[in-house]
PDB file of N, CA and C in Angstrom:
ATOM      1  N   MET A   1      -6.761 -10.017  16.496  1.00  0.00           N
ATOM      2  CA  MET A   1      -6.403  -9.327  15.361  1.00  0.00           C
ATOM      3  C   MET A   1      -6.916  -9.924  14.100  1.00  0.00           C
ATOM      4  N   ILE A   2      -6.642 -11.247  13.794  1.00  0.00           N
ATOM      5  CA  ILE A   2      -7.128 -12.013  12.748  1.00  0.00           C
ATOM      6  C   ILE A   2      -8.460 -12.044  12.662  1.00  0.00           C
ATOM      7  N   GLU A   3      -9.284 -12.417  14.039  1.00  0.00           N
ATOM      8  CA  GLU A   3     -10.464 -12.487  14.262  1.00  0.00           C
ATOM      9  C   GLU A   3     -11.302 -11.314  13.622  1.00  0.00           C
ATOM     10  N   LEU A   4     -10.896  -9.995  14.070  1.00  0.00           N
ATOM     11  CA  LEU A   4     -11.458  -8.988  13.850  1.00  0.00           C
ATOM     12  C   LEU A   4     -11.441  -8.852  12.021  1.00  0.00           C
ATOM     13  N   SER A   5     -10.354  -9.052  11.626  1.00  0.00           N
ATOM     14  CA  SER A   5     -10.236  -9.102  10.248  1.00  0.00           C
ATOM     15  C   SER A   5     -11.084 -10.043   9.479  1.00  0.00           C
ATOM     16  N   ASN A   6     -11.323 -11.217   9.846  1.00  0.00           N
ATOM     17  CA  ASN A   6     -12.280 -12.283   9.230  1.00  0.00           C
ATOM     18  C   ASN A   6     -13.692 -11.825   9.394  1.00  0.00           C
ATOM     19  N   ARG A   7     -13.897 -11.065  10.304  1.00  0.00           N
ATOM     20  CA  ARG A   7     -15.133 -10.657  10.442  1.00  0.00           C
ATOM     21  C   ARG A   7     -15.641  -9.536   9.226  1.00  0.00           C
ATOM     22  N   GLN A   8     -14.828  -8.873   8.971  1.00  0.00           N
ATOM     23  CA  GLN A   8     -15.075  -8.025   7.727  1.00  0.00           C
ATOM     24  C   GLN A   8     -15.204  -8.599   6.518  1.00  0.00           C
ATOM     25  N   GLU A   9     -15.772  -8.253   5.526  1.00  0.00           N
ATOM     26  CA  GLU A   9     -16.181  -8.694   4.194  1.00  0.00           C
ATOM     27  C   GLU A   9     -14.864  -8.025   3.503  1.00  0.00           C
ATOM     28  N   HIS A  10     -13.973  -8.998   3.089  1.00  0.00           N
ATOM     29  CA  HIS A  10     -12.805  -8.398   2.267  1.00  0.00           C
ATOM     30  C   HIS A  10     -12.306  -9.380   1.597  1.00  0.00           C
ATOM     31  N   PHE A  11     -11.499  -9.484   0.524  1.00  0.00           N
ATOM     32  CA  PHE A  11     -11.041 -10.232  -0.398  1.00  0.00           C
ATOM     33  C   PHE A  11      -9.505  -9.954  -0.552  1.00  0.00           C
ATOM     34  N   LEU A  12      -8.917  -9.341   0.563  1.00  0.00           N
ATOM     35  CA  LEU A  12      -7.386  -9.226   0.506  1.00  0.00           C
ATOM     36  C   LEU A  12      -6.601 -10.442   0.562  1.00  0.00           C
ATOM     37  N   THR A  13      -7.217 -11.589   1.166  1.00  0.00           N
ATOM     38  CA  THR A  13      -6.339 -12.763   1.198  1.00  0.00           C
ATOM     39  C   THR A  13      -6.139 -13.621   0.161  1.00  0.00           C
ATOM     40  N   THR A  14      -7.043 -13.116  -0.972  1.00  0.00           N
ATOM     41  CA  THR A  14      -7.070 -13.905  -2.283  1.00  0.00           C
ATOM     42  C   THR A  14      -6.063 -13.257  -3.218  1.00  0.00           C
ATOM     43  N   ILE A  15      -5.361 -12.403  -2.766  1.00  0.00           N
ATOM     44  CA  ILE A  15      -4.285 -11.635  -3.358  1.00  0.00           C
ATOM     45  C   ILE A  15      -2.763 -12.451  -2.949  1.00  0.00           C
ATOM     46  N   SER A  16      -2.167 -12.676  -4.017  1.00  0.00           N
ATOM     47  CA  SER A  16      -0.681 -13.225  -3.900  1.00  0.00           C
ATOM     48  C   SER A  16       0.018 -12.581  -2.665  1.00  0.00           C
ATOM     49  N   GLY A  17       0.624 -12.878  -1.810  1.00  0.00           N
ATOM     50  CA  GLY A  17       1.397 -12.383  -0.829  1.00  0.00           C
ATOM     51  C   GLY A  17       0.647 -11.747   0.352  1.00  0.00           C
ATOM     52  N   ILE A  18      -0.567 -11.775   0.511  1.00  0.00           N
ATOM     53  CA  ILE A  18      -1.381 -11.265   1.614  1.00  0.00           C
ATOM     54  C   ILE A  18      -1.858 -12.330   2.468  1.00  0.00           C
ATOM     55  N   SER A  19      -1.307 -12.324   3.746  1.00  0.00           N
ATOM     56  CA  SER A  19      -1.675 -13.448   4.581  1.00  0.00           C
ATOM     57  C   SER A  19      -2.939 -12.930   5.426  1.00  0.00           C
ATOM     58  N   ASP A  20      -3.373 -13.567   6.316  1.00  0.00           N
ATOM     59  CA  ASP A  20      -4.315 -13.261   7.336  1.00  0.00           C
ATOM     60  C   ASP A  20      -3.907 -11.908   8.213  1.00  0.00           C
ATOM     61  N   VAL A  21      -2.562 -12.115   8.687  1.00  0.00           N
ATOM     62  CA  VAL A  21      -2.077 -10.959   9.539  1.00  0.00           C
ATOM     63  C   VAL A  21      -1.725  -9.683   8.601  1.00  0.00           C
ATOM     64  N   THR A  22      -1.160  -9.969   7.468  1.00  0.00           N
ATOM     65  CA  THR A  22      -0.944  -8.599   6.571  1.00  0.00           C
ATOM     66  C   THR A  22      -2.309  -7.827   6.258  1.00  0.00           C
ATOM     67  N   ALA A  23      -3.460  -8.827   5.851  1.00  0.00           N
ATOM     68  CA  ALA A  23      -4.788  -8.402   5.790  1.00  0.00           C
ATOM     69  C   ALA A  23      -5.343  -7.438   6.926  1.00  0.00           C
ATOM     70  N   ALA A  24      -4.892  -8.143   8.263  1.00  0.00           N
ATOM     71  CA  ALA A  24      -5.456  -7.343   9.409  1.00  0.00           C
ATOM     72  C   ALA A  24      -4.674  -5.978   9.650  1.00  0.00           C
ATOM     73  N   VAL A  25      -3.428  -5.816   9.108  1.00  0.00           N
ATOM     74  CA  VAL A  25      -2.740  -4.627   9.244  1.00  0.00           C
ATOM     75  C   VAL A  25      -3.325  -3.608   8.337  1.00  0.00           C
ATOM     76  N   ILE A  26      -3.351  -4.173   7.150  1.00  0.00           N
ATOM     77  CA  ILE A  26      -3.845  -3.196   6.127  1.00  0.00           C
ATOM     78  C   ILE A  26      -5.340  -2.600   6.462  1.00  0.00           C
ATOM     79  N   LEU A  27      -6.186  -3.670   6.787  1.00  0.00           N
ATOM     80  CA  LEU A  27      -7.480  -3.124   7.233  1.00  0.00           C
ATOM     81  C   LEU A  27      -7.546  -2.119   8.529  1.00  0.00           C
ATOM     82  N   GLY A  28      -6.602  -2.391   9.337  1.00  0.00           N
ATOM     83  CA  GLY A  28      -6.324  -1.422  10.682  1.00  0.00           C
ATOM     84  C   GLY A  28      -5.787  -0.315  10.269  1.00  0.00           C
ATOM     85  N   GLU A  29      -4.935  -0.220   9.558  1.00  0.00           N
ATOM     86  CA  GLU A  29      -4.307   1.163   8.896  1.00  0.00           C
ATOM     87  C   GLU A  29      -5.336   1.901   8.152  1.00  0.00           C
ATOM     88  N   ILE A  30      -5.916   1.264   7.278  1.00  0.00           N
ATOM     89  CA  ILE A  30      -6.889   2.108   6.111  1.00  0.00           C
ATOM     90  C   ILE A  30      -8.231   2.447   6.886  1.00  0.00           C
ATOM     91  N   GLY A  31      -8.854   1.577   7.894  1.00  0.00           N
ATOM     92  CA  GLY A  31     -10.020   1.838   8.281  1.00  0.00           C
ATOM     93  C   GLY A  31     -11.161   1.664   7.348  1.00  0.00           C
ATOM     94  N   SER A  32     -12.221   2.430   7.253  1.00  0.00           N
ATOM     95  CA  SER A  32     -12.959   2.527   6.190  1.00  0.00           C
ATOM     96  C   SER A  32     -12.583   2.888   4.957  1.00  0.00           C
ATOM     97  N   ILE A  33     -12.729   2.100   3.914  1.00  0.00           N
ATOM     98  CA  ILE A  33     -12.283   2.624   2.564  1.00  0.00           C
ATOM     99  C   ILE A  33     -13.116   3.812   2.130  1.00  0.00           C
ATOM    100  N   ASN A  34     -14.107   4.050   2.557  1.00  0.00           N
ATOM    101  CA  ASN A  34     -15.011   5.222   2.235  1.00  0.00           C
ATOM    102  C   ASN A  34     -14.366   6.684   2.720  1.00  0.00           C
ATOM    103  N   ARG A  35     -13.439   6.526   3.429  1.00  0.00           N
ATOM    104  CA  ARG A  35     -12.753   7.821   3.817  1.00  0.00           C
ATOM    105  C   ARG A  35     -12.132   8.493   2.707  1.00  0.00           C
ATOM    106  N   PHE A  36     -11.856   7.654   1.747  1.00  0.00           N
ATOM    107  CA  PHE A  36     -10.991   8.220   0.590  1.00  0.00           C
ATOM    108  C   PHE A  36     -11.890   8.392  -0.701  1.00  0.00           C
ATOM    109  N   GLU A  37     -11.878   9.486  -1.133  1.00  0.00           N
ATOM    110  CA  GLU A  37     -12.776   9.826  -2.308  1.00  0.00           C
ATOM    111  C   GLU A  37     -12.329   9.352  -3.559  1.00  0.00           C
ATOM    112  N   ARG A  38     -11.158   9.308  -3.683  1.00  0.00           N
ATOM    113  CA  ARG A  38     -10.352   8.647  -4.809  1.00  0.00           C
ATOM    114  C   ARG A  38      -9.215   7.942  -4.626  1.00  0.00           C
ATOM    115  N   PRO A  39      -8.916   6.854  -5.554  1.00  0.00           N
ATOM    116  CA  PRO A  39      -7.868   5.993  -5.413  1.00  0.00           C
ATOM    117  C   PRO A  39      -6.505   6.810  -4.950  1.00  0.00           C
ATOM    118  N   GLY A  40      -6.206   7.925  -5.760  1.00  0.00           N
ATOM    119  CA  GLY A  40      -5.096   8.695  -5.238  1.00  0.00           C
ATOM    120  C   GLY A  40      -5.030   9.216  -3.942  1.00  0.00           C
ATOM    121  N   HIS A  41      -6.137   9.346  -3.329  1.00  0.00           N
ATOM    122  CA  HIS A  41      -5.972   9.865  -1.826  1.00  0.00           C
ATOM    123  C   HIS A  41      -5.546   8.552  -0.952  1.00  0.00           C
ATOM    124  N   LEU A  42      -5.979   7.303  -1.358  1.00  0.00           N
ATOM    125  CA  LEU A  42      -5.405   6.112  -0.595  1.00  0.00           C
ATOM    126  C   LEU A  42      -3.888   6.003  -0.790  1.00  0.00           C
ATOM    127  N   VAL A  43      -3.504   6.199  -2.127  1.00  0.00           N
ATOM    128  CA  VAL A  43      -2.034   5.971  -2.354  1.00  0.00           C
ATOM    129  C   VAL A  43      -1.274   7.031  -1.792  1.00  0.00           C
ATOM    130  N   ALA A  44      -1.695   8.253  -1.529  1.00  0.00           N
ATOM    131  CA  ALA A  44      -1.001   9.266  -0.686  1.00  0.00           C
ATOM    132  C   ALA A  44      -0.850   9.026   0.849  1.00  0.00           C
ATOM    133  N   PHE A  45      -2.154   8.551   1.262  1.00  0.00           N
ATOM    134  CA  PHE A  45      -2.221   7.963   2.632  1.00  0.00           C
ATOM    135  C   PHE A  45      -1.082   7.033   2.971  1.00  0.00           C
ATOM    136  N   ALA A  46      -0.822   6.181   2.060  1.00  0.00           N
ATOM    137  CA  ALA A  46       0.169   5.022   2.137  1.00  0.00           C
ATOM    138  C   ALA A  46       1.529   5.679   1.809  1.00  0.00           C
ATOM    139  N   GLY A  47       1.675   6.988   1.461  1.00  0.00           N
ATOM    140  CA  GLY A  47       2.876   7.553   1.073  1.00  0.00           C
ATOM    141  C   GLY A  47       3.671   6.820  -0.214  1.00  0.00           C
ATOM    142  N   LEU A  48       2.776   6.238  -0.928  1.00  0.00           N
ATOM    143  CA  LEU A  48       3.370   5.705  -2.259  1.00  0.00           C
ATOM    144  C   LEU A  48       3.198   6.459  -3.375  1.00  0.00           C
ATOM    145  N   ASP A  49       3.029   7.828  -3.177  1.00  0.00           N
ATOM    146  CA  ASP A  49       2.832   8.679  -4.321  1.00  0.00           C
ATOM    147  C   ASP A  49       4.175   9.367  -4.566  1.00  0.00           C
ATOM    148  N   ALA A  50       4.503  10.057  -5.628  1.00  0.00           N
ATOM    149  CA  ALA A  50       5.638  10.478  -6.066  1.00  0.00           C
ATOM    150  C   ALA A  50       5.621  12.119  -5.564  1.00  0.00           C
ATOM    151  N   SER A  51       6.855  12.429  -4.982  1.00  0.00           N
ATOM    152  CA  SER A  51       6.973  13.592  -4.408  1.00  0.00           C
ATOM    153  C   SER A  51       7.445  14.562  -5.606  1.00  0.00           C
ATOM    154  N   VAL A  52       7.082  15.829  -5.527  1.00  0.00           N
ATOM    155  CA  VAL A  52       7.238  16.852  -6.536  1.00  0.00           C
ATOM    156  C   VAL A  52       8.411  17.621  -6.114  1.00  0.00           C
ATOM    157  N   HIS A  53       9.485  17.726  -6.826  1.00  0.00           N
ATOM    158  CA  HIS A  53      10.685  18.682  -6.721  1.00  0.00           C
ATOM    159  C   HIS A  53      10.634  19.776  -7.681  1.00  0.00           C
ATOM    160  N   GLN A  54      10.217  21.073  -7.377  1.00  0.00           N
ATOM    161  CA  GLN A  54      10.265  22.177  -8.367  1.00  0.00           C
ATOM    162  C   GLN A  54      10.229  23.536  -7.463  1.00  0.00           C
ATOM    163  N   SER A  55      10.745  24.209  -8.074  1.00  0.00           N
ATOM    164  CA  SER A  55      11.065  25.715  -7.542  1.00  0.00           C
ATOM    165  C   SER A  55      11.294  26.615  -8.632  1.00  0.00           C
ATOM    166  N   GLY A  56      10.331  27.608  -8.807  1.00  0.00           N
ATOM    167  CA  GLY A  56      10.456  28.507  -9.832  1.00  0.00           C
ATOM    168  C   GLY A  56      10.186  27.930 -11.325  1.00  0.00           C
ATOM    169  N   ASP A  57      11.217  28.062 -12.052  1.00  0.00           N
ATOM    170  CA  ASP A  57      11.373  27.375 -13.336  1.00  0.00           C
ATOM    171  C   ASP A  57      11.959  25.925 -13.304  1.00  0.00           C
ATOM    172  N   PHE A  58      12.318  25.579 -12.371  1.00  0.00           N
ATOM    173  CA  PHE A  58      13.100  24.283 -12.046  1.00  0.00           C
ATOM    174  C   PHE A  58      11.988  23.333 -11.749  1.00  0.00           C
ATOM    175  N   ASN A  59      12.070  22.181 -12.751  1.00  0.00           N
ATOM    176  CA  ASN A  59      11.197  20.949 -12.467  1.00  0.00           C
ATOM    177  C   ASN A  59      12.340  19.883 -12.357  1.00  0.00           C
ATOM    178  N   GLY A  60      12.235  19.141 -11.097  1.00  0.00           N
ATOM    179  CA  GLY A  60      13.097  17.988 -11.001  1.00  0.00           C
ATOM    180  C   GLY A  60      12.624  16.710 -11.834  1.00  0.00           C
ATOM    181  N   SER A  61      13.615  15.982 -12.203  1.00  0.00           N
ATOM    182  CA  SER A  61      13.304  14.891 -13.220  1.00  0.00           C
ATOM    183  C   SER A  61      13.248  13.562 -12.484  1.00  0.00           C
ATOM    184  N   SER A  62      13.836  13.486 -11.278  1.00  0.00           N
ATOM    185  CA  SER A  62      14.010  12.083 -10.695  1.00  0.00           C
ATOM    186  C   SER A  62      12.809  12.376  -9.605  1.00  0.00           C
ATOM    187  N   SER A  63      11.979  11.477  -9.453  1.00  0.00           N
ATOM    188  CA  SER A  63      10.817  11.396  -8.462  1.00  0.00           C
ATOM    189  C   SER A  63      11.134  10.111  -7.409  1.00  0.00           C
ATOM    190  N   LYS A  64      11.024  10.678  -6.212  1.00  0.00           N
ATOM    191  CA  LYS A  64      11.176   9.497  -5.111  1.00  0.00           C
ATOM    192  C   LYS A  64       9.580   9.413  -4.354  1.00  0.00           C
ATOM    193  N   LEU A  65       9.380   8.312  -3.632  1.00  0.00           N
ATOM    194  CA  LEU A  65       8.109   8.268  -2.753  1.00  0.00           C
ATOM    195  C   LEU A  65       8.048   9.389  -1.951  1.00  0.00           C
ATOM    196  N   SER A  66       6.822   9.787  -1.538  1.00  0.00           N
ATOM    197  CA  SER A  66       6.811  11.026  -0.680  1.00  0.00           C
ATOM    198  C   SER A  66       6.899  10.633   0.744  1.00  0.00           C
ATOM    199  N   LYS A  67       6.580   9.375   0.896  1.00  0.00           N
ATOM    200  CA  LYS A  67       6.656   8.889   2.381  1.00  0.00           C
ATOM    201  C   LYS A  67       6.107   9.661   3.379  1.00  0.00           C
ATOM    202  N   ARG A  68       5.104  10.454   3.087  1.00  0.00           N
ATOM    203  CA  ARG A  68       4.189  11.126   4.243  1.00  0.00           C
ATOM    204  C   ARG A  68       3.242  10.658   4.753  1.00  0.00           C
ATOM    205  N   GLY A  69       2.669   9.217   4.330  1.00  0.00           N
ATOM    206  CA  GLY A  69       1.556   8.783   4.901  1.00  0.00           C
ATOM    207  C   GLY A  69       2.027   7.649   6.228  1.00  0.00           C
ATOM    208  N   SER A  70       1.326   6.625   6.169  1.00  0.00           N
ATOM    209  CA  SER A  70       1.380   5.802   7.368  1.00  0.00           C
ATOM    210  C   SER A  70       2.685   4.815   6.928  1.00  0.00           C
ATOM    211  N   PRO A  71       3.660   4.871   7.663  1.00  0.00           N
ATOM    212  CA  PRO A  71       4.835   4.026   7.500  1.00  0.00           C
ATOM    213  C   PRO A  71       4.394   2.511   7.747  1.00  0.00           C
ATOM    214  N   TYR A  72       3.459   2.170   8.682  1.00  0.00           N
ATOM    215  CA  TYR A  72       3.135   0.873   8.785  1.00  0.00           C
ATOM    216  C   TYR A  72       2.259   0.134   7.603  1.00  0.00           C
ATOM    217  N   LEU A  73       1.464   0.933   6.923  1.00  0.00           N
ATOM    218  CA  LEU A  73       0.959   0.541   5.775  1.00  0.00           C
ATOM    219  C   LEU A  73       1.929   0.490   4.710  1.00  0.00           C
ATOM    220  N   ARG A  74       2.626   1.389   4.425  1.00  0.00           N
ATOM    221  CA  ARG A  74       3.715   1.344   3.355  1.00  0.00           C
ATOM    222  C   ARG A  74       4.529  -0.078   3.507  1.00  0.00           C
ATOM    223  N   ARG A  75       5.042  -0.215   4.598  1.00  0.00           N
ATOM    224  CA  ARG A  75       5.694  -1.197   4.962  1.00  0.00           C
ATOM    225  C   ARG A  75       5.079  -2.714   4.727  1.00  0.00           C
ATOM    226  N   THR A  76       3.800  -2.813   5.090  1.00  0.00           N
ATOM    227  CA  THR A  76       3.065  -3.982   4.998  1.00  0.00           C
ATOM    228  C   THR A  76       3.083  -4.246   3.473  1.00  0.00           C
ATOM    229  N   ILE A  77       2.574  -3.156   2.640  1.00  0.00           N
ATOM    230  CA  ILE A  77       2.459  -3.369   1.265  1.00  0.00           C
ATOM    231  C   ILE A  77       3.664  -4.006   0.594  1.00  0.00           C
ATOM    232  N   TRP A  78       4.859  -3.232   0.955  1.00  0.00           N
ATOM    233  CA  TRP A  78       6.221  -3.720   0.540  1.00  0.00           C
ATOM    234  C   TRP A  78       6.391  -5.329   0.773  1.00  0.00           C
ATOM    235  N   GLN A  79       6.030  -5.545   2.147  1.00  0.00           N
ATOM    236  CA  GLN A  79       6.353  -6.956   2.402  1.00  0.00           C
ATOM    237  C   GLN A  79       5.602  -7.889   1.479  1.00  0.00           C
ATOM    238  N   ALA A  80       4.283  -7.493   1.436  1.00  0.00           N
ATOM    239  CA  ALA A  80       3.278  -8.392   0.510  1.00  0.00           C
ATOM    240  C   ALA A  80       3.902  -8.407  -0.789  1.00  0.00           C
ATOM    241  N   ALA A  81       4.318  -7.412  -1.532  1.00  0.00           N
ATOM    242  CA  ALA A  81       4.878  -7.371  -2.748  1.00  0.00           C
ATOM    243  C   ALA A  81       6.213  -8.389  -2.829  1.00  0.00           C
ATOM    244  N   PHE A  82       6.826  -8.172  -1.730  1.00  0.00           N
ATOM    245  CA  PHE A  82       8.187  -8.915  -1.624  1.00  0.00           C
ATOM    246  C   PHE A  82       7.802 -10.473  -1.767  1.00  0.00           C
ATOM    247  N   VAL A  83       7.003 -10.795  -0.686  1.00  0.00           N
ATOM    248  CA  VAL A  83       6.553 -12.243  -0.740  1.00  0.00           C
ATOM    249  C   VAL A  83       5.931 -12.985  -2.070  1.00  0.00           C
ATOM    250  N   ALA A  84       4.992 -11.830  -2.634  1.00  0.00           N
ATOM    251  CA  ALA A  84       4.377 -12.234  -3.730  1.00  0.00           C
ATOM    252  C   ALA A  84       5.287 -12.485  -4.934  1.00  0.00           C
ATOM    253  N   SER A  85       6.388 -11.722  -5.018  1.00  0.00           N
ATOM    254  CA  SER A  85       7.410 -11.964  -6.024  1.00  0.00           C
ATOM    255  C   SER A  85       8.055 -13.184  -6.017  1.00  0.00           C
ATOM    256  N   PHE A  86       8.323 -13.809  -4.897  1.00  0.00           N
ATOM    257  CA  PHE A  86       8.798 -15.311  -4.824  1.00  0.00           C
ATOM    258  C   PHE A  86       7.855 -16.186  -5.133  1.00  0.00           C
ATOM    259  N   HIS A  87       6.600 -16.066  -4.956  1.00  0.00           N
ATOM    260  CA  HIS A  87       5.687 -17.039  -5.373  1.00  0.00           C
ATOM    261  C   HIS A  87       4.847 -16.958  -6.674  1.00  0.00           C
ATOM    262  N   ASP A  88       4.764 -16.005  -7.202  1.00  0.00           N
ATOM    263  CA  ASP A  88       4.103 -15.626  -8.377  1.00  0.00           C
ATOM    264  C   ASP A  88       5.048 -15.385  -9.574  1.00  0.00           C
ATOM    265  N   PRO A  89       5.238 -16.168 -10.583  1.00  0.00           N
ATOM    266  CA  PRO A  89       6.250 -15.896 -11.644  1.00  0.00           C
ATOM    267  C   PRO A  89       5.963 -14.874 -12.339  1.00  0.00           C
ATOM    268  N   ALA A  90       4.818 -14.292 -12.650  1.00  0.00           N
ATOM    269  CA  ALA A  90       4.482 -13.109 -13.275  1.00  0.00           C
ATOM    270  C   ALA A  90       5.156 -12.005 -12.531  1.00  0.00           C
ATOM    271  N   LEU A  91       4.809 -11.941 -11.183  1.00  0.00           N
ATOM    272  CA  LEU A  91       5.265 -10.756 -10.439  1.00  0.00           C
ATOM    273  C   LEU A  91       6.874 -10.702 -10.184  1.00  0.00           C
ATOM    274  N   SER A  92       7.439 -11.852 -10.200  1.00  0.00           N
ATOM    275  CA  SER A  92       8.926 -11.847 -10.043  1.00  0.00           C
ATOM    276  C   SER A  92       9.647 -11.041 -11.163  1.00  0.00           C
ATOM    277  N   LEU A  93       9.207 -10.861 -12.223  1.00  0.00           N
ATOM    278  CA  LEU A  93       9.667 -10.071 -13.374  1.00  0.00           C
ATOM    279  C   LEU A  93       9.708  -8.582 -12.932  1.00  0.00           C
ATOM    280  N   TYR A  94       8.973  -8.209 -12.011  1.00  0.00           N
ATOM    281  CA  TYR A  94       8.890  -6.977 -11.635  1.00  0.00           C
ATOM    282  C   TYR A  94       9.647  -6.474 -10.349  1.00  0.00           C
TER     283      TYR A  94
END
């Protein structure tokens, strides 16, 4: 898996919190980045977009993640952010 990831030209492992295994999972779940016309499509594929709660005149004020996309990609991104928050002082503030 890591060998296939290393054959592709990417810069994912230069990001704090992303290891070779994490990069391989991200690349495996996304496939070709050209599949997505806009960044919002990739965000929706990962299920990291906000879900809309509305009906008639009612518009919900609290938004949650839609979680409609790839659970593996969403979990991997969460784990990378969690690891990065321990190793990067700027990210630990968030």
